Protein backbone atom coordinates (compact mmCIF):
# COMPACT_ATOMS: atom_id res chain seq x y z
CA UNK A 1 -0.02 0.07 -0.03
CA UNK A 2 1.52 3.35 -0.97
CA UNK A 3 1.59 6.19 1.50
CA UNK A 4 -0.99 9.08 1.52
CA UNK A 5 0.11 12.29 0.03
CA UNK A 6 0.33 15.37 2.31
CA UNK A 7 -2.88 16.91 0.98
CA UNK A 8 -4.76 13.59 1.48
CA UNK A 9 -3.35 13.46 5.06
CA UNK A 10 -4.48 17.06 5.84
CA UNK A 11 -8.00 16.30 4.35
CA UNK A 12 -8.39 13.12 6.41
CA UNK A 13 -7.29 15.14 9.60
CA UNK A 14 -9.74 17.88 8.95
CA UNK A 15 -12.55 15.44 8.14
CA UNK A 16 -11.77 13.52 11.44
CA UNK A 17 -12.08 16.64 13.34
CA UNK A 18 -15.31 17.56 11.68
CA UNK A 19 -16.73 14.21 12.34
CA UNK A 20 -15.65 14.25 15.91
CA UNK A 21 -17.40 17.77 16.63
CA UNK A 22 -20.44 16.75 14.67
CA UNK A 23 -20.64 13.61 16.83
CA UNK A 24 -20.33 15.64 19.94
CA UNK A 25 -23.02 18.10 18.80
CA UNK A 26 -25.34 15.35 17.68
CA UNK A 27 -24.86 13.40 20.87
CA UNK A 28 -25.61 16.23 23.11
CA UNK A 29 -28.68 17.11 21.04
CA UNK A 30 -30.09 13.54 20.85
CA UNK A 31 -29.36 12.49 24.48
CA UNK A 32 -30.09 15.76 26.21
CA UNK A 33 -32.65 15.49 28.99
CA UNK A 34 -35.21 18.04 29.58
CA UNK A 35 -35.24 17.94 33.34
CA UNK A 36 -38.68 19.53 33.75
CA UNK A 37 -40.31 17.22 31.20
CA UNK A 38 -38.75 14.20 33.06
CA UNK A 39 -40.00 15.29 36.45
CA UNK A 40 -43.55 15.91 34.92
CA UNK A 41 -43.35 12.36 33.49
CA UNK A 42 -42.31 10.89 36.93
CA UNK A 43 -44.91 12.97 38.87
CA UNK A 44 -47.77 11.65 36.42
CA UNK A 45 -46.74 8.08 36.84
CA UNK A 46 -47.08 7.81 33.06
CA UNK A 47 -44.70 5.11 32.52
CA UNK A 48 -46.32 2.54 34.71
CA UNK A 49 -49.35 0.28 34.12
CA UNK A 50 -52.48 0.57 36.24
CA UNK A 51 -52.25 -2.91 37.53
CA UNK A 52 -48.48 -2.26 38.72
CA UNK A 53 -49.67 0.88 40.44
CA UNK A 54 -52.31 -0.99 42.39
CA UNK A 55 -49.91 -3.69 43.27
CA UNK A 56 -47.59 -0.84 44.74
CA UNK A 57 -50.50 0.27 46.94
CA UNK A 58 -52.20 3.00 44.92
CA UNK A 59 -55.79 3.12 44.09
CA UNK A 60 -55.19 4.52 40.74
CA UNK A 61 -52.86 6.74 38.65
CA UNK A 62 -54.28 9.90 40.27
CA UNK A 63 -53.41 8.56 43.66
CA UNK A 64 -49.85 8.02 42.52
CA UNK A 65 -49.85 11.47 40.96
CA UNK A 66 -51.12 13.06 44.14
CA UNK A 67 -48.36 11.49 46.22
CA UNK A 68 -45.76 12.61 43.74
CA UNK A 69 -47.09 16.15 43.68
CA UNK A 70 -46.69 16.22 47.52
CA UNK A 71 -43.12 14.89 47.04
CA UNK A 72 -42.53 17.64 44.37
CA UNK A 73 -43.63 20.34 46.82
CA UNK A 74 -41.35 18.83 49.64
CA UNK A 75 -38.35 18.47 47.41
CA UNK A 76 -38.80 22.14 46.24
CA UNK A 77 -38.88 23.22 49.86
CA UNK A 78 -35.79 21.00 50.70
CA UNK A 79 -33.88 22.32 47.68
CA UNK A 80 -34.63 25.96 48.35
CA UNK A 81 -33.59 25.41 52.02
CA UNK A 82 -30.24 23.90 50.81
CA UNK A 83 -29.38 26.27 48.15
CA UNK A 84 -28.07 29.65 49.19
CA UNK A 85 -29.73 32.39 47.10
CA UNK A 86 -27.83 34.72 44.92
CA UNK A 87 -28.96 37.93 43.12
CA UNK A 88 -29.65 35.93 39.95
CA UNK A 89 -33.14 34.56 40.11
CA UNK A 90 -32.71 32.53 36.92
CA UNK A 91 -29.59 30.85 38.24
CA UNK A 92 -31.33 30.00 41.59
CA UNK A 93 -34.34 28.61 39.69
CA UNK A 94 -31.99 26.35 37.48
CA UNK A 95 -30.37 25.16 40.59
CA UNK A 96 -33.56 24.30 42.31
CA UNK A 97 -34.87 22.57 39.21
CA UNK A 98 -31.63 20.54 38.91
CA UNK A 99 -31.94 19.68 42.74
CA UNK A 100 -35.52 18.42 42.24
CA UNK A 101 -34.65 16.57 39.21
CA UNK A 102 -31.81 14.72 41.12
CA UNK A 103 -34.14 13.83 43.95
CA UNK A 104 -36.85 12.47 41.62
CA UNK A 105 -34.27 10.38 39.72
CA UNK A 106 -33.15 8.87 43.14
CA UNK A 107 -36.75 7.98 43.83
CA UNK A 108 -37.48 6.74 40.19
CA UNK A 109 -34.53 4.34 40.43
CA UNK A 110 -36.12 2.13 43.22
CA UNK A 111 -39.57 2.37 41.37
CA UNK A 112 -38.09 1.28 38.16
CA UNK A 113 -36.37 -1.65 39.69
CA UNK A 114 -39.60 -2.60 41.24
CA UNK A 115 -41.39 -2.13 37.88
CA UNK A 116 -38.65 -4.27 36.14
CA UNK A 117 -39.22 -7.10 38.68
CA UNK A 118 -42.80 -6.75 38.18
CA UNK A 119 -42.56 -7.14 34.30
CA UNK A 120 -40.31 -9.98 34.61
CA UNK A 121 -42.87 -11.83 36.93
CA UNK A 122 -40.68 -11.91 40.08
CA UNK A 123 -43.23 -10.00 42.20
């Protein structure tokens, strides 16, 4: 195999960098999580079957949503208490949203593992 010319090497190098940055951009865009949308989905108990929710002790989906709304209020209070406020209201709001998202993700992990066990018939 004969070696590449200098112009071909330069082209391949530029092409590799372009593909790398395109991959970073697309990866960020495709796998970006909207925290507020994710919290709303968790609060609504939207990803779970009615039968599973009843097995977990809820009367129906609204009962689950009411509990999650109460948790949401509690998480907001906890996060506001933990975060020192600054003069930038939008920055404080983003911190509180991230904190609430994090707390809901922790809660969702245990519920998701229960749901996985339910779907596999281990419950």
